[in-house]
């Protein structure tokens, strides 16, 4: 994914001949992490929570890299045959990462000035989209009734959706 242009990536997503299970969601999670990283960097000099912002910026950078690696793995796994439960591992990783990004966006939001809230709202919305897309993949992959543990893990990650909505609502209210 890292070596592709945006256009090449979109062409790959649009092609019915290429399996890309989870790659788009991973890219959304990476974008969300990059936006949190940006917001934390901008907030470094405008807030009293400098240490929190430095730590959040570093963590968001690690999340962005992890999302990129997971997207690459998603593309590799999409081409392999396997059971639905086994194939669900990548979207579960994306969902966990997206939930973590939403949580980190909330941490930055709580310590930042209102001028970074639009970046955090965009990050939360992107992470929420990654999370919900991952949930859809998991539901499809374990539709045969197996994978109770997989469903429980996904439900735990989906609890972050309310936090994403709060971040978006807070940014709107500040405007």
N, C-alpha and C. Protein backbone atom coordinates (compact mmCIF):
# COMPACT_ATOMS: atom_id res chain seq x y z
N UNK A 1 0.82 -1.20 0.00
CA UNK A 1 0.00 0.00 0.00
C UNK A 1 0.86 1.26 0.00
N UNK A 2 1.94 1.24 0.75
CA UNK A 2 2.76 2.43 0.89
C UNK A 2 3.32 2.89 -0.44
N UNK A 3 3.64 1.97 -1.32
CA UNK A 3 4.28 2.32 -2.58
C UNK A 3 3.29 2.75 -3.67
N UNK A 4 2.02 2.54 -3.46
CA UNK A 4 1.01 2.88 -4.46
C UNK A 4 0.65 4.35 -4.40
N UNK A 5 0.31 4.89 -5.57
CA UNK A 5 -0.28 6.22 -5.57
C UNK A 5 -1.72 6.09 -5.10
N UNK A 6 -2.33 7.20 -4.77
CA UNK A 6 -3.74 7.17 -4.37
C UNK A 6 -4.58 6.62 -5.52
N UNK A 7 -4.29 7.07 -6.73
CA UNK A 7 -5.04 6.59 -7.89
C UNK A 7 -4.90 5.09 -8.10
N UNK A 8 -3.70 4.56 -7.93
CA UNK A 8 -3.50 3.11 -8.08
C UNK A 8 -4.28 2.35 -7.01
N UNK A 9 -4.26 2.87 -5.81
CA UNK A 9 -5.01 2.21 -4.74
C UNK A 9 -6.51 2.22 -5.05
N UNK A 10 -7.02 3.35 -5.51
CA UNK A 10 -8.45 3.44 -5.83
C UNK A 10 -8.80 2.54 -7.01
N UNK A 11 -7.92 2.46 -7.99
CA UNK A 11 -8.15 1.55 -9.12
C UNK A 11 -8.23 0.11 -8.63
N UNK A 12 -7.36 -0.24 -7.72
CA UNK A 12 -7.36 -1.60 -7.15
C UNK A 12 -8.67 -1.86 -6.38
N UNK A 13 -9.09 -0.88 -5.61
CA UNK A 13 -10.35 -1.04 -4.87
C UNK A 13 -11.54 -1.19 -5.81
N UNK A 14 -11.51 -0.48 -6.92
CA UNK A 14 -12.63 -0.48 -7.86
C UNK A 14 -12.70 -1.75 -8.70
N UNK A 15 -11.61 -2.45 -8.83
CA UNK A 15 -11.55 -3.63 -9.70
C UNK A 15 -12.24 -4.83 -9.07
N UNK A 16 -13.21 -5.42 -9.79
CA UNK A 16 -13.86 -6.62 -9.26
C UNK A 16 -12.95 -7.85 -9.35
N UNK A 17 -11.82 -7.72 -10.03
CA UNK A 17 -10.91 -8.85 -10.21
C UNK A 17 -9.87 -8.97 -9.10
N UNK A 18 -9.85 -7.99 -8.19
CA UNK A 18 -8.84 -7.98 -7.13
C UNK A 18 -9.55 -8.05 -5.78
N UNK A 19 -9.11 -8.99 -4.96
CA UNK A 19 -9.68 -9.10 -3.61
C UNK A 19 -8.89 -8.19 -2.69
N UNK A 20 -9.58 -7.33 -1.98
CA UNK A 20 -8.90 -6.34 -1.12
C UNK A 20 -9.51 -6.31 0.29
N UNK A 21 -9.99 -7.42 0.75
CA UNK A 21 -10.67 -7.52 2.04
C UNK A 21 -9.89 -6.84 3.16
N UNK A 22 -10.44 -5.76 3.69
CA UNK A 22 -9.83 -5.09 4.84
C UNK A 22 -8.82 -4.02 4.50
N UNK A 23 -8.32 -3.99 3.27
CA UNK A 23 -7.28 -3.01 2.93
C UNK A 23 -7.82 -1.58 2.99
N UNK A 24 -9.04 -1.37 2.52
CA UNK A 24 -9.62 -0.02 2.55
C UNK A 24 -9.85 0.43 3.99
N UNK A 25 -10.32 -0.46 4.82
CA UNK A 25 -10.54 -0.11 6.23
C UNK A 25 -9.21 0.20 6.92
N UNK A 26 -8.17 -0.55 6.59
CA UNK A 26 -6.86 -0.28 7.18
C UNK A 26 -6.36 1.09 6.74
N UNK A 27 -6.59 1.45 5.50
CA UNK A 27 -6.16 2.77 5.03
C UNK A 27 -6.95 3.88 5.73
N UNK A 28 -8.24 3.65 5.98
CA UNK A 28 -9.02 4.63 6.73
C UNK A 28 -8.48 4.78 8.15
N UNK A 29 -8.10 3.67 8.77
CA UNK A 29 -7.53 3.73 10.12
C UNK A 29 -6.19 4.47 10.10
N UNK A 30 -5.38 4.25 9.06
CA UNK A 30 -4.10 4.95 8.95
C UNK A 30 -4.33 6.45 8.78
N UNK A 31 -5.30 6.80 7.96
CA UNK A 31 -5.63 8.22 7.76
C UNK A 31 -6.11 8.84 9.08
N UNK A 32 -6.93 8.12 9.81
CA UNK A 32 -7.41 8.62 11.09
C UNK A 32 -6.25 8.84 12.06
N UNK A 33 -5.33 7.90 12.10
CA UNK A 33 -4.17 8.04 12.99
C UNK A 33 -3.32 9.23 12.58
N UNK A 34 -3.16 9.44 11.27
CA UNK A 34 -2.38 10.59 10.80
C UNK A 34 -3.04 11.91 11.22
N UNK A 35 -4.36 11.96 11.19
CA UNK A 35 -5.06 13.17 11.61
C UNK A 35 -4.93 13.42 13.11
N UNK A 36 -4.94 12.36 13.90
CA UNK A 36 -4.72 12.51 15.34
C UNK A 36 -3.29 12.98 15.58
N UNK A 37 -2.36 12.42 14.83
CA UNK A 37 -0.96 12.83 14.94
C UNK A 37 -0.81 14.32 14.63
N UNK A 38 -1.49 14.78 13.59
CA UNK A 38 -1.46 16.20 13.21
C UNK A 38 -2.07 17.07 14.32
N UNK A 39 -3.22 16.66 14.82
CA UNK A 39 -3.89 17.45 15.87
C UNK A 39 -3.01 17.55 17.11
N UNK A 40 -2.38 16.45 17.48
CA UNK A 40 -1.50 16.48 18.66
C UNK A 40 -0.30 17.38 18.41
N UNK A 41 0.24 17.36 17.20
CA UNK A 41 1.37 18.22 16.87
C UNK A 41 0.97 19.69 16.93
N UNK A 42 -0.20 20.00 16.40
CA UNK A 42 -0.67 21.39 16.44
C UNK A 42 -0.97 21.84 17.86
N UNK A 43 -1.46 20.93 18.67
CA UNK A 43 -1.83 21.27 20.05
C UNK A 43 -0.62 21.39 20.97
N UNK A 44 0.53 20.90 20.52
CA UNK A 44 1.74 20.97 21.35
C UNK A 44 2.04 22.37 21.86
N UNK A 45 1.83 23.35 21.02
CA UNK A 45 2.23 24.72 21.36
C UNK A 45 1.06 25.59 21.81
N UNK A 46 -0.11 25.01 21.89
CA UNK A 46 -1.28 25.83 22.26
C UNK A 46 -1.97 25.32 23.51
N UNK A 47 -1.34 24.42 24.22
CA UNK A 47 -2.00 23.81 25.37
C UNK A 47 -1.01 23.63 26.52
N UNK A 48 -1.54 23.46 27.69
CA UNK A 48 -0.71 23.17 28.85
C UNK A 48 -0.37 21.69 28.95
N UNK A 49 -0.99 20.88 28.14
CA UNK A 49 -0.80 19.43 28.20
C UNK A 49 0.27 18.97 27.21
N UNK A 50 1.42 19.63 27.23
CA UNK A 50 2.47 19.35 26.25
C UNK A 50 2.94 17.90 26.29
N UNK A 51 3.16 17.36 27.47
CA UNK A 51 3.62 15.98 27.59
C UNK A 51 2.59 15.00 27.02
N UNK A 52 1.33 15.25 27.32
CA UNK A 52 0.26 14.40 26.78
C UNK A 52 0.24 14.46 25.27
N UNK A 53 0.40 15.64 24.70
CA UNK A 53 0.38 15.80 23.25
C UNK A 53 1.58 15.15 22.59
N UNK A 54 2.74 15.24 23.20
CA UNK A 54 3.93 14.57 22.65
C UNK A 54 3.72 13.05 22.62
N UNK A 55 3.22 12.53 23.72
CA UNK A 55 2.97 11.09 23.80
C UNK A 55 1.90 10.67 22.80
N UNK A 56 0.85 11.46 22.68
CA UNK A 56 -0.24 11.13 21.74
C UNK A 56 0.27 11.19 20.30
N UNK A 57 1.09 12.18 20.01
CA UNK A 57 1.63 12.29 18.66
C UNK A 57 2.47 11.06 18.31
N UNK A 58 3.33 10.65 19.23
CA UNK A 58 4.17 9.47 19.00
C UNK A 58 3.31 8.21 18.85
N UNK A 59 2.32 8.05 19.71
CA UNK A 59 1.44 6.88 19.64
C UNK A 59 0.65 6.87 18.34
N UNK A 60 0.16 8.02 17.91
CA UNK A 60 -0.59 8.09 16.65
C UNK A 60 0.31 7.70 15.47
N UNK A 61 1.57 8.11 15.51
CA UNK A 61 2.50 7.71 14.46
C UNK A 61 2.70 6.21 14.42
N UNK A 62 2.82 5.60 15.59
CA UNK A 62 2.95 4.13 15.65
C UNK A 62 1.68 3.46 15.13
N UNK A 63 0.52 4.02 15.47
CA UNK A 63 -0.76 3.46 14.99
C UNK A 63 -0.85 3.57 13.47
N UNK A 64 -0.41 4.68 12.93
CA UNK A 64 -0.44 4.87 11.47
C UNK A 64 0.41 3.81 10.79
N UNK A 65 1.60 3.57 11.30
CA UNK A 65 2.47 2.54 10.72
C UNK A 65 1.85 1.16 10.86
N UNK A 66 1.26 0.88 12.01
CA UNK A 66 0.62 -0.41 12.24
C UNK A 66 -0.54 -0.61 11.26
N UNK A 67 -1.30 0.44 11.01
CA UNK A 67 -2.41 0.35 10.07
C UNK A 67 -1.90 0.07 8.66
N UNK A 68 -0.82 0.70 8.29
CA UNK A 68 -0.25 0.45 6.96
C UNK A 68 0.21 -1.00 6.83
N UNK A 69 0.87 -1.52 7.85
CA UNK A 69 1.29 -2.93 7.81
C UNK A 69 0.08 -3.86 7.76
N UNK A 70 -0.95 -3.52 8.52
CA UNK A 70 -2.16 -4.36 8.53
C UNK A 70 -2.85 -4.32 7.17
N UNK A 71 -2.86 -3.17 6.52
CA UNK A 71 -3.43 -3.07 5.17
C UNK A 71 -2.69 -3.95 4.19
N UNK A 72 -1.38 -3.98 4.30
CA UNK A 72 -0.58 -4.84 3.43
C UNK A 72 -0.91 -6.30 3.70
N UNK A 73 -1.01 -6.66 4.98
CA UNK A 73 -1.38 -8.02 5.36
C UNK A 73 -2.77 -8.37 4.84
N UNK A 74 -3.69 -7.42 4.91
CA UNK A 74 -5.06 -7.66 4.44
C UNK A 74 -5.06 -8.05 2.97
N UNK A 75 -4.25 -7.38 2.19
CA UNK A 75 -4.18 -7.71 0.77
C UNK A 75 -3.61 -9.10 0.55
N UNK A 76 -2.61 -9.47 1.34
CA UNK A 76 -2.02 -10.80 1.21
C UNK A 76 -3.01 -11.88 1.62
N UNK A 77 -3.69 -11.67 2.74
CA UNK A 77 -4.63 -12.66 3.27
C UNK A 77 -5.84 -12.82 2.34
N UNK A 78 -6.24 -11.74 1.67
CA UNK A 78 -7.40 -11.80 0.78
C UNK A 78 -7.20 -12.80 -0.34
N UNK A 79 -5.96 -13.03 -0.70
CA UNK A 79 -5.67 -13.94 -1.81
C UNK A 79 -5.53 -15.39 -1.37
N UNK A 80 -5.57 -15.66 -0.07
CA UNK A 80 -5.41 -17.01 0.45
C UNK A 80 -6.75 -17.62 0.81
N UNK A 81 -6.95 -18.89 0.49
CA UNK A 81 -8.17 -19.54 0.96
C UNK A 81 -8.05 -19.82 2.46
N UNK A 82 -9.18 -19.89 3.13
CA UNK A 82 -9.16 -20.18 4.56
C UNK A 82 -10.55 -20.11 5.13
N UNK A 83 -10.67 -20.51 6.37
CA UNK A 83 -11.98 -20.46 7.00
C UNK A 83 -12.34 -19.02 7.30
N UNK A 84 -13.62 -18.77 7.48
CA UNK A 84 -14.09 -17.43 7.81
C UNK A 84 -13.50 -16.91 9.09
N UNK A 85 -13.39 -17.78 10.10
CA UNK A 85 -12.84 -17.36 11.38
C UNK A 85 -11.38 -16.97 11.22
N UNK A 86 -10.60 -17.75 10.47
CA UNK A 86 -9.20 -17.41 10.23
C UNK A 86 -9.08 -16.11 9.43
N UNK A 87 -9.91 -15.95 8.42
CA UNK A 87 -9.87 -14.75 7.59
C UNK A 87 -10.32 -13.51 8.35
N UNK A 88 -11.06 -13.69 9.43
CA UNK A 88 -11.57 -12.57 10.20
C UNK A 88 -10.49 -11.90 11.05
N UNK A 89 -9.34 -12.52 11.18
CA UNK A 89 -8.30 -11.96 12.05
C UNK A 89 -7.85 -10.58 11.59
N UNK A 90 -7.69 -10.37 10.29
CA UNK A 90 -7.23 -9.06 9.81
C UNK A 90 -8.28 -7.98 10.08
N UNK A 91 -9.56 -8.17 9.71
CA UNK A 91 -10.51 -7.12 10.05
C UNK A 91 -10.65 -6.90 11.55
N UNK A 92 -10.43 -7.93 12.34
CA UNK A 92 -10.44 -7.74 13.80
C UNK A 92 -9.27 -6.85 14.24
N UNK A 93 -8.11 -7.03 13.62
CA UNK A 93 -6.96 -6.17 13.93
C UNK A 93 -7.24 -4.73 13.53
N UNK A 94 -7.85 -4.55 12.36
CA UNK A 94 -8.19 -3.20 11.92
C UNK A 94 -9.19 -2.58 12.89
N UNK A 95 -10.18 -3.35 13.31
CA UNK A 95 -11.18 -2.84 14.24
C UNK A 95 -10.55 -2.44 15.57
N UNK A 96 -9.65 -3.25 16.08
CA UNK A 96 -8.97 -2.93 17.34
C UNK A 96 -8.16 -1.65 17.19
N UNK A 97 -7.47 -1.53 16.09
CA UNK A 97 -6.67 -0.34 15.84
C UNK A 97 -7.56 0.90 15.71
N UNK A 98 -8.66 0.77 14.97
CA UNK A 98 -9.59 1.90 14.81
C UNK A 98 -10.17 2.33 16.15
N UNK A 99 -10.51 1.36 16.99
CA UNK A 99 -11.03 1.70 18.33
C UNK A 99 -9.96 2.41 19.15
N UNK A 100 -8.72 1.98 19.02
CA UNK A 100 -7.62 2.65 19.73
C UNK A 100 -7.42 4.08 19.22
N UNK A 101 -7.54 4.26 17.92
CA UNK A 101 -7.39 5.61 17.35
C UNK A 101 -8.50 6.52 17.87
N UNK A 102 -9.71 6.01 17.95
CA UNK A 102 -10.83 6.79 18.49
C UNK A 102 -10.53 7.19 19.93
N UNK A 103 -10.03 6.25 20.72
CA UNK A 103 -9.68 6.57 22.10
C UNK A 103 -8.58 7.62 22.19
N UNK A 104 -7.57 7.52 21.34
CA UNK A 104 -6.48 8.50 21.36
C UNK A 104 -6.98 9.86 20.90
N UNK A 105 -7.89 9.88 19.93
CA UNK A 105 -8.48 11.16 19.50
C UNK A 105 -9.19 11.82 20.68
N UNK A 106 -9.85 11.03 21.50
CA UNK A 106 -10.51 11.57 22.69
C UNK A 106 -9.53 12.13 23.69
N UNK A 107 -8.39 11.48 23.85
CA UNK A 107 -7.35 11.98 24.76
C UNK A 107 -6.83 13.33 24.27
N UNK A 108 -6.55 13.42 22.98
CA UNK A 108 -6.07 14.69 22.42
C UNK A 108 -7.15 15.75 22.54
N UNK A 109 -8.38 15.37 22.23
CA UNK A 109 -9.51 16.31 22.32
C UNK A 109 -9.63 16.90 23.71
N UNK A 110 -9.47 16.07 24.72
CA UNK A 110 -9.64 16.53 26.10
C UNK A 110 -8.56 17.51 26.54
N UNK A 111 -7.41 17.49 25.86
CA UNK A 111 -6.33 18.39 26.26
C UNK A 111 -6.03 19.49 25.27
N UNK A 112 -6.80 19.57 24.20
CA UNK A 112 -6.48 20.51 23.12
C UNK A 112 -7.47 21.67 23.07
N UNK A 113 -7.06 22.70 22.37
CA UNK A 113 -7.95 23.84 22.12
C UNK A 113 -8.92 23.48 20.98
N UNK A 114 -9.95 24.29 20.86
CA UNK A 114 -11.00 24.02 19.86
C UNK A 114 -10.50 24.04 18.42
N UNK A 115 -9.38 24.70 18.15
CA UNK A 115 -8.93 24.83 16.76
C UNK A 115 -8.49 23.50 16.14
N UNK A 116 -8.22 22.49 16.94
CA UNK A 116 -7.86 21.18 16.37
C UNK A 116 -9.04 20.21 16.33
N UNK A 117 -10.18 20.62 16.84
CA UNK A 117 -11.34 19.72 16.87
C UNK A 117 -11.78 19.22 15.49
N UNK A 118 -11.73 20.05 14.43
CA UNK A 118 -12.11 19.50 13.12
C UNK A 118 -11.22 18.34 12.67
N UNK A 119 -9.92 18.41 12.96
CA UNK A 119 -9.03 17.29 12.61
C UNK A 119 -9.40 16.05 13.40
N UNK A 120 -9.74 16.25 14.66
CA UNK A 120 -10.12 15.12 15.50
C UNK A 120 -11.47 14.54 15.10
N UNK A 121 -12.38 15.40 14.66
CA UNK A 121 -13.68 14.92 14.17
C UNK A 121 -13.48 14.07 12.92
N UNK A 122 -12.62 14.55 12.01
CA UNK A 122 -12.34 13.78 10.79
C UNK A 122 -11.65 12.46 11.14
N UNK A 123 -10.75 12.50 12.11
CA UNK A 123 -10.07 11.28 12.54
C UNK A 123 -11.07 10.29 13.12
N UNK A 124 -11.94 10.78 13.99
CA UNK A 124 -12.93 9.90 14.62
C UNK A 124 -13.88 9.32 13.58
N UNK A 125 -14.31 10.14 12.62
CA UNK A 125 -15.21 9.65 11.58
C UNK A 125 -14.52 8.61 10.69
N UNK A 126 -13.25 8.83 10.34
CA UNK A 126 -12.51 7.85 9.53
C UNK A 126 -12.30 6.56 10.31
N UNK A 127 -11.94 6.68 11.58
CA UNK A 127 -11.73 5.48 12.39
C UNK A 127 -13.04 4.72 12.57
N UNK A 128 -14.12 5.46 12.74
CA UNK A 128 -15.43 4.81 12.87
C UNK A 128 -15.77 4.05 11.59
N UNK A 129 -15.51 4.65 10.45
CA UNK A 129 -15.77 3.97 9.17
C UNK A 129 -14.93 2.71 9.05
N UNK A 130 -13.67 2.78 9.46
CA UNK A 130 -12.80 1.59 9.44
C UNK A 130 -13.35 0.51 10.36
N UNK A 131 -13.80 0.92 11.51
CA UNK A 131 -14.35 -0.01 12.50
C UNK A 131 -15.62 -0.68 11.98
N UNK A 132 -16.51 0.11 11.42
CA UNK A 132 -17.77 -0.46 10.93
C UNK A 132 -17.57 -1.32 9.69
N UNK A 133 -16.65 -0.92 8.81
CA UNK A 133 -16.34 -1.77 7.65
C UNK A 133 -15.75 -3.09 8.11
N UNK A 134 -14.89 -3.04 9.10
CA UNK A 134 -14.30 -4.27 9.64
C UNK A 134 -15.37 -5.16 10.25
N UNK A 135 -16.32 -4.56 10.94
CA UNK A 135 -17.42 -5.33 11.53
C UNK A 135 -18.24 -6.01 10.44
N UNK A 136 -18.44 -5.32 9.34
CA UNK A 136 -19.19 -5.92 8.22
C UNK A 136 -18.43 -7.11 7.65
N UNK A 137 -17.11 -6.96 7.50
CA UNK A 137 -16.31 -8.09 7.00
C UNK A 137 -16.38 -9.27 7.96
N UNK A 138 -16.26 -9.01 9.24
CA UNK A 138 -16.30 -10.09 10.21
C UNK A 138 -17.65 -10.80 10.15
N UNK A 139 -18.73 -10.03 10.07
CA UNK A 139 -20.06 -10.65 9.99
C UNK A 139 -20.18 -11.54 8.76
N UNK A 140 -19.66 -11.08 7.65
CA UNK A 140 -19.71 -11.87 6.42
C UNK A 140 -18.85 -13.13 6.55
N UNK A 141 -17.68 -12.99 7.12
CA UNK A 141 -16.74 -14.10 7.18
C UNK A 141 -17.14 -15.19 8.17
N UNK A 142 -17.90 -14.83 9.18
CA UNK A 142 -18.32 -15.84 10.16
C UNK A 142 -19.83 -16.05 10.11
N UNK A 143 -20.42 -15.80 8.96
CA UNK A 143 -21.87 -15.91 8.80
C UNK A 143 -22.38 -17.34 8.97
N UNK A 144 -21.50 -18.32 8.88
CA UNK A 144 -21.92 -19.71 8.98
C UNK A 144 -22.26 -20.14 10.41
N UNK A 145 -22.18 -19.20 11.36
CA UNK A 145 -22.56 -19.51 12.73
C UNK A 145 -21.38 -19.77 13.64
N UNK A 146 -20.20 -19.97 13.09
CA UNK A 146 -19.01 -20.18 13.91
C UNK A 146 -18.47 -18.85 14.40
N UNK A 147 -17.42 -18.92 15.13
CA UNK A 147 -16.71 -17.71 15.50
C UNK A 147 -17.32 -16.90 16.63
N UNK A 148 -17.84 -17.56 17.66
CA UNK A 148 -18.42 -16.82 18.78
C UNK A 148 -17.39 -15.87 19.39
N UNK A 149 -16.15 -16.35 19.58
CA UNK A 149 -15.11 -15.51 20.16
C UNK A 149 -14.83 -14.30 19.26
N UNK A 150 -14.88 -14.52 17.96
CA UNK A 150 -14.66 -13.43 17.01
C UNK A 150 -15.74 -12.37 17.17
N UNK A 151 -16.97 -12.80 17.30
CA UNK A 151 -18.08 -11.85 17.48
C UNK A 151 -17.96 -11.06 18.79
N UNK A 152 -17.53 -11.73 19.84
CA UNK A 152 -17.34 -11.07 21.13
C UNK A 152 -16.24 -10.02 21.03
N UNK A 153 -15.15 -10.36 20.39
CA UNK A 153 -14.05 -9.40 20.21
C UNK A 153 -14.52 -8.18 19.42
N UNK A 154 -15.29 -8.44 18.35
CA UNK A 154 -15.77 -7.32 17.53
C UNK A 154 -16.72 -6.44 18.31
N UNK A 155 -17.59 -7.02 19.10
CA UNK A 155 -18.52 -6.23 19.91
C UNK A 155 -17.77 -5.31 20.86
N UNK A 156 -16.68 -5.80 21.41
CA UNK A 156 -15.87 -4.99 22.32
C UNK A 156 -15.29 -3.78 21.56
N UNK A 157 -14.81 -4.00 20.36
CA UNK A 157 -14.25 -2.90 19.56
C UNK A 157 -15.33 -1.90 19.15
N UNK A 158 -16.51 -2.40 18.83
CA UNK A 158 -17.60 -1.53 18.38
C UNK A 158 -18.09 -0.57 19.47
N UNK A 159 -17.75 -0.84 20.70
CA UNK A 159 -18.15 0.09 21.77
C UNK A 159 -17.51 1.46 21.60
N UNK A 160 -16.47 1.56 20.78
CA UNK A 160 -15.80 2.85 20.54
C UNK A 160 -16.59 3.76 19.61
N UNK A 161 -17.61 3.24 18.94
CA UNK A 161 -18.41 4.06 18.02
C UNK A 161 -19.02 5.26 18.74
N UNK A 162 -19.52 5.06 19.94
CA UNK A 162 -20.11 6.17 20.70
C UNK A 162 -19.08 7.26 20.98
N UNK A 163 -17.85 6.86 21.24
CA UNK A 163 -16.78 7.85 21.47
C UNK A 163 -16.49 8.64 20.20
N UNK A 164 -16.53 7.97 19.06
CA UNK A 164 -16.31 8.66 17.78
C UNK A 164 -17.41 9.69 17.55
N UNK A 165 -18.65 9.29 17.82
CA UNK A 165 -19.76 10.22 17.64
C UNK A 165 -19.62 11.42 18.56
N UNK A 166 -19.14 11.20 19.78
CA UNK A 166 -18.95 12.31 20.71
C UNK A 166 -17.89 13.30 20.19
N UNK A 167 -16.82 12.78 19.61
CA UNK A 167 -15.78 13.66 19.06
C UNK A 167 -16.31 14.52 17.92
N UNK A 168 -17.10 13.90 17.04
CA UNK A 168 -17.68 14.63 15.92
C UNK A 168 -18.66 15.68 16.44
N UNK A 169 -19.52 15.29 17.37
CA UNK A 169 -20.50 16.23 17.93
C UNK A 169 -19.82 17.40 18.64
N UNK A 170 -18.76 17.11 19.35
CA UNK A 170 -18.05 18.18 20.07
C UNK A 170 -17.43 19.19 19.09
N UNK A 171 -16.90 18.70 17.99
CA UNK A 171 -16.32 19.60 16.98
C UNK A 171 -17.40 20.46 16.36
N UNK A 172 -18.56 19.89 16.09
CA UNK A 172 -19.66 20.67 15.53
C UNK A 172 -20.13 21.74 16.51
N UNK A 173 -20.21 21.38 17.77
CA UNK A 173 -20.69 22.32 18.78
C UNK A 173 -19.71 23.49 18.98
N UNK A 174 -18.44 23.23 18.77
CA UNK A 174 -17.42 24.28 18.95
C UNK A 174 -17.43 25.28 17.80
N UNK A 175 -18.00 24.87 16.68
CA UNK A 175 -17.96 25.74 15.49
C UNK A 175 -18.86 26.96 15.62
